[in-house]
Amino acid sequence: MTQEVKDEDFEVTVLQSKTPVLVDFWAEWCGPCKMLSPIIDELSKDLSGKVKIVKMNVDDEPKKPSELGIRGIPTMVLFKNGMPIGTKVGVLPKASLKEWIESLI
């Protein structure tokens, strides 16, 4: 199970991380988010040690997604050294997502 991140721990968990962090912005009611969830969980295992993968529920934690300009979900944002370095929106195949992440880290 992928770790959940909240507005109050976003700074420490994501922005101050020494490892690149992929944040999956999602919501309980979002069908595509549910389709993406098992892919995210698998990538979390596959890329363990290379990238940290966390999820943020936009309904429970609206502040940070709003600050980052997240408009649609699922949206994945890859952070490195505290900065967003890439964004993907929608459901993508595992291989495509993995390739995208590895190309940026």
Protein backbone atom coordinates (compact mmCIF):
# COMPACT_ATOMS: atom_id res chain seq x y z
CA MET A 1 0.00 0.00 0.00
CA THR A 2 1.35 3.38 -1.05
CA GLN A 3 1.83 6.01 1.66
CA GLU A 4 -0.74 8.82 1.96
CA VAL A 5 0.60 12.36 2.29
CA LYS A 6 -1.32 15.24 3.89
CA ASP A 7 -1.08 19.02 3.47
CA GLU A 8 0.75 19.38 6.79
CA ASP A 9 3.46 16.79 6.04
CA PHE A 10 3.88 17.58 2.31
CA GLU A 11 6.88 19.84 2.99
CA VAL A 12 8.85 17.14 4.86
CA THR A 13 7.66 14.07 2.93
CA VAL A 14 7.90 15.51 -0.58
CA LEU A 15 9.80 18.78 -0.78
CA GLN A 16 12.60 17.92 1.68
CA SER A 17 13.05 14.34 0.46
CA LYS A 18 16.57 13.37 -0.65
CA THR A 19 14.94 10.86 -3.03
CA PRO A 20 12.72 11.93 -5.95
CA VAL A 21 9.03 11.72 -5.01
CA LEU A 22 6.08 10.91 -7.25
CA VAL A 23 2.81 12.29 -5.86
CA ASP A 24 -0.40 10.72 -7.16
CA PHE A 25 -3.25 13.22 -6.69
CA TRP A 26 -6.53 11.27 -6.55
CA ALA A 27 -10.04 11.10 -5.05
CA GLU A 28 -12.26 8.28 -3.81
CA TRP A 29 -15.00 8.97 -6.40
CA CYS A 30 -12.60 9.04 -9.37
CA GLY A 31 -12.91 5.94 -11.60
CA PRO A 32 -9.63 6.47 -13.49
CA CYS A 33 -7.87 6.99 -10.12
CA LYS A 34 -9.06 3.55 -9.02
CA MET A 35 -7.73 2.05 -12.26
CA LEU A 36 -4.36 3.72 -11.67
CA SER A 37 -4.04 2.71 -8.01
CA PRO A 38 -2.72 -0.85 -8.52
CA ILE A 39 -0.23 0.45 -11.12
CA ILE A 40 1.04 3.03 -8.62
CA ASP A 41 1.36 0.34 -5.93
CA GLU A 42 3.37 -1.89 -8.30
CA LEU A 43 5.64 0.99 -9.35
CA SER A 44 6.23 1.78 -5.68
CA LYS A 45 7.67 -1.73 -5.26
CA ASP A 46 9.51 -1.78 -8.62
CA LEU A 47 11.20 1.59 -8.05
CA SER A 48 11.84 1.17 -4.33
CA GLY A 49 15.05 2.98 -3.37
CA LYS A 50 15.05 5.05 -6.58
CA VAL A 51 11.86 7.05 -6.08
CA LYS A 52 9.36 7.43 -3.26
CA ILE A 53 5.71 7.22 -4.35
CA VAL A 54 2.94 8.78 -2.27
CA LYS A 55 -0.76 9.52 -2.78
CA MET A 56 -2.69 12.65 -1.89
CA ASN A 57 -6.49 12.66 -1.69
CA VAL A 58 -7.57 16.01 -3.18
CA ASP A 59 -10.90 15.95 -1.31
CA ASP A 60 -9.30 15.42 2.12
CA GLU A 61 -6.29 17.66 1.41
CA PRO A 62 -7.36 20.49 -0.93
CA LYS A 63 -4.71 23.10 -0.01
CA LYS A 64 -1.55 21.69 -1.64
CA PRO A 65 -3.22 20.47 -4.88
CA SER A 66 -4.78 23.93 -5.26
CA GLU A 67 -1.39 25.63 -4.72
CA LEU A 68 0.15 23.35 -7.34
CA GLY A 69 -2.63 24.07 -9.85
CA ILE A 70 -3.96 20.50 -9.98
CA ARG A 71 -7.12 20.73 -12.08
CA GLY A 72 -7.92 17.15 -13.12
CA ILE A 73 -7.29 13.79 -11.53
CA PRO A 74 -5.54 11.48 -11.56
CA THR A 75 -2.51 13.75 -11.84
CA MET A 76 1.00 12.56 -11.02
CA VAL A 77 3.71 15.09 -10.26
CA LEU A 78 7.35 14.06 -9.93
CA PHE A 79 9.40 16.17 -7.50
CA LYS A 80 13.18 16.24 -7.30
CA ASN A 81 15.12 18.44 -4.88
CA GLY A 82 11.85 20.06 -3.80
CA MET A 83 10.84 21.10 -7.31
CA PRO A 84 8.21 19.64 -9.66
CA ILE A 85 10.10 18.25 -12.67
CA GLY A 86 7.31 16.48 -14.54
CA THR A 87 3.54 15.99 -14.64
CA LYS A 88 1.30 13.33 -16.16
CA VAL A 89 -2.50 13.44 -16.18
CA GLY A 90 -4.77 10.44 -16.64
CA VAL A 91 -4.29 6.69 -16.58
CA LEU A 92 -1.18 5.44 -18.34
CA PRO A 93 0.16 1.90 -18.78
CA LYS A 94 2.66 0.82 -16.14
CA ALA A 95 5.52 0.56 -18.66
CA SER A 96 4.92 4.12 -19.93
CA LEU A 97 4.79 5.55 -16.41
CA LYS A 98 7.92 3.67 -15.34
CA GLU A 99 9.80 4.85 -18.44
CA TRP A 100 8.70 8.46 -17.81
CA ILE A 101 9.78 8.35 -14.15
CA GLU A 102 13.15 6.74 -14.94
CA SER A 103 13.83 9.28 -17.69
CA LEU A 104 13.45 12.12 -15.19
CA ILE A 105 15.31 10.69 -12.19
